[in-house]
Amino acid sequence: MAGGASAAGVLLLVVCGTICDCDDYDLIADWGAARLNFLRRYLPYDHGVPGGRWLTC
């Protein structure tokens, strides 16, 4: 996937962000950036989380 984001990484980010009541991609991306250490327990996220603009593509 573009930008170094894996499908599994995007899926984990979107599912977790949605569970935490983020209702658009910008909020999900912000949530992921704030909780990157949590997400890295499960996947490496070597390049961080994708931004909201990238998620809408």
C-alpha atoms as a PDB file:
ATOM      1  CA  MET A   1       0.000   0.000   0.000  1.00  0.00           C
ATOM      2  CA  ALA A   2       1.096   3.563  -0.590  1.00  0.00           C
ATOM      3  CA  GLY A   3       3.054   5.413   2.070  1.00  0.00           C
ATOM      4  CA  GLY A   4       4.309   2.258   3.730  1.00  0.00           C
ATOM      5  CA  ALA A   5       0.948   1.505   5.379  1.00  0.00           C
ATOM      6  CA  SER A   6      -0.050  -2.144   5.413  1.00  0.00           C
ATOM      7  CA  ALA A   7      -3.630  -3.297   5.006  1.00  0.00           C
ATOM      8  CA  ALA A   8      -3.488  -4.849   8.483  1.00  0.00           C
ATOM      9  CA  GLY A   9      -2.189  -1.578   9.942  1.00  0.00           C
ATOM     10  CA  VAL A  10      -4.956   0.457   8.355  1.00  0.00           C
ATOM     11  CA  LEU A  11      -7.580  -2.049   9.482  1.00  0.00           C
ATOM     12  CA  LEU A  12      -6.323  -2.059  13.077  1.00  0.00           C
ATOM     13  CA  LEU A  13      -6.231   1.749  13.144  1.00  0.00           C
ATOM     14  CA  VAL A  14      -9.726   2.173  11.710  1.00  0.00           C
ATOM     15  CA  VAL A  15     -11.325  -0.495  13.908  1.00  0.00           C
ATOM     16  CA  CYS A  16      -9.722   0.809  17.109  1.00  0.00           C
ATOM     17  CA  GLY A  17     -10.498   4.423  16.251  1.00  0.00           C
ATOM     18  CA  THR A  18     -14.101   3.572  15.457  1.00  0.00           C
ATOM     19  CA  ILE A  19     -14.513   1.666  18.724  1.00  0.00           C
ATOM     20  CA  CYS A  20     -13.201   4.783  20.501  1.00  0.00           C
ATOM     21  CA  ASP A  21     -15.982   6.894  18.923  1.00  0.00           C
ATOM     22  CA  CYS A  22     -13.983   8.566  16.151  1.00  0.00           C
ATOM     23  CA  ASP A  23     -16.526   9.216  13.413  1.00  0.00           C
ATOM     24  CA  ASP A  24     -14.380  10.488  10.545  1.00  0.00           C
ATOM     25  CA  TYR A  25     -10.971   9.710   9.081  1.00  0.00           C
ATOM     26  CA  ASP A  26      -9.292  12.837  10.426  1.00  0.00           C
ATOM     27  CA  LEU A  27     -10.338  11.936  13.975  1.00  0.00           C
ATOM     28  CA  ILE A  28      -9.196   8.340  13.450  1.00  0.00           C
ATOM     29  CA  ALA A  29      -5.784   9.526  12.210  1.00  0.00           C
ATOM     30  CA  ASP A  30      -5.467  11.918  15.174  1.00  0.00           C
ATOM     31  CA  TRP A  31      -6.467   9.138  17.580  1.00  0.00           C
ATOM     32  CA  GLY A  32      -3.866   6.817  16.047  1.00  0.00           C
ATOM     33  CA  ALA A  33      -1.103   9.418  16.227  1.00  0.00           C
ATOM     34  CA  ALA A  34      -1.879  10.049  19.903  1.00  0.00           C
ATOM     35  CA  ARG A  35      -1.903   6.324  20.694  1.00  0.00           C
ATOM     36  CA  LEU A  36       0.877   5.104  18.448  1.00  0.00           C
ATOM     37  CA  ASN A  37       2.598   3.246  21.299  1.00  0.00           C
ATOM     38  CA  PHE A  38      -0.594   1.242  21.879  1.00  0.00           C
ATOM     39  CA  LEU A  39      -0.915   0.368  18.175  1.00  0.00           C
ATOM     40  CA  ARG A  40       2.760  -0.651  18.032  1.00  0.00           C
ATOM     41  CA  ARG A  41       2.064  -3.411  20.558  1.00  0.00           C
ATOM     42  CA  TYR A  42       0.351  -5.236  17.702  1.00  0.00           C
ATOM     43  CA  LEU A  43       1.984  -3.980  14.472  1.00  0.00           C
ATOM     44  CA  PRO A  44       5.218  -2.056  13.819  1.00  0.00           C
ATOM     45  CA  TYR A  45       3.844   1.152  12.181  1.00  0.00           C
ATOM     46  CA  ASP A  46       7.397   1.955  11.048  1.00  0.00           C
ATOM     47  CA  HIS A  47       6.246   5.146   9.298  1.00  0.00           C
ATOM     48  CA  GLY A  48       3.600   6.144  11.847  1.00  0.00           C
ATOM     49  CA  VAL A  49      -0.109   6.069  11.109  1.00  0.00           C
ATOM     50  CA  PRO A  50      -1.562   7.218   7.790  1.00  0.00           C
ATOM     51  CA  GLY A  51      -3.214  10.625   7.799  1.00  0.00           C
ATOM     52  CA  GLY A  52      -6.909  11.304   7.371  1.00  0.00           C
ATOM     53  CA  ARG A  53      -6.437  12.374   3.742  1.00  0.00           C
ATOM     54  CA  TRP A  54      -4.656   9.120   2.938  1.00  0.00           C
ATOM     55  CA  LEU A  55      -7.404   7.058   4.594  1.00  0.00           C
ATOM     56  CA  THR A  56     -10.084   8.586   2.371  1.00  0.00           C
ATOM     57  CA  CYS A  57      -8.342   7.495  -0.850  1.00  0.00           C
END
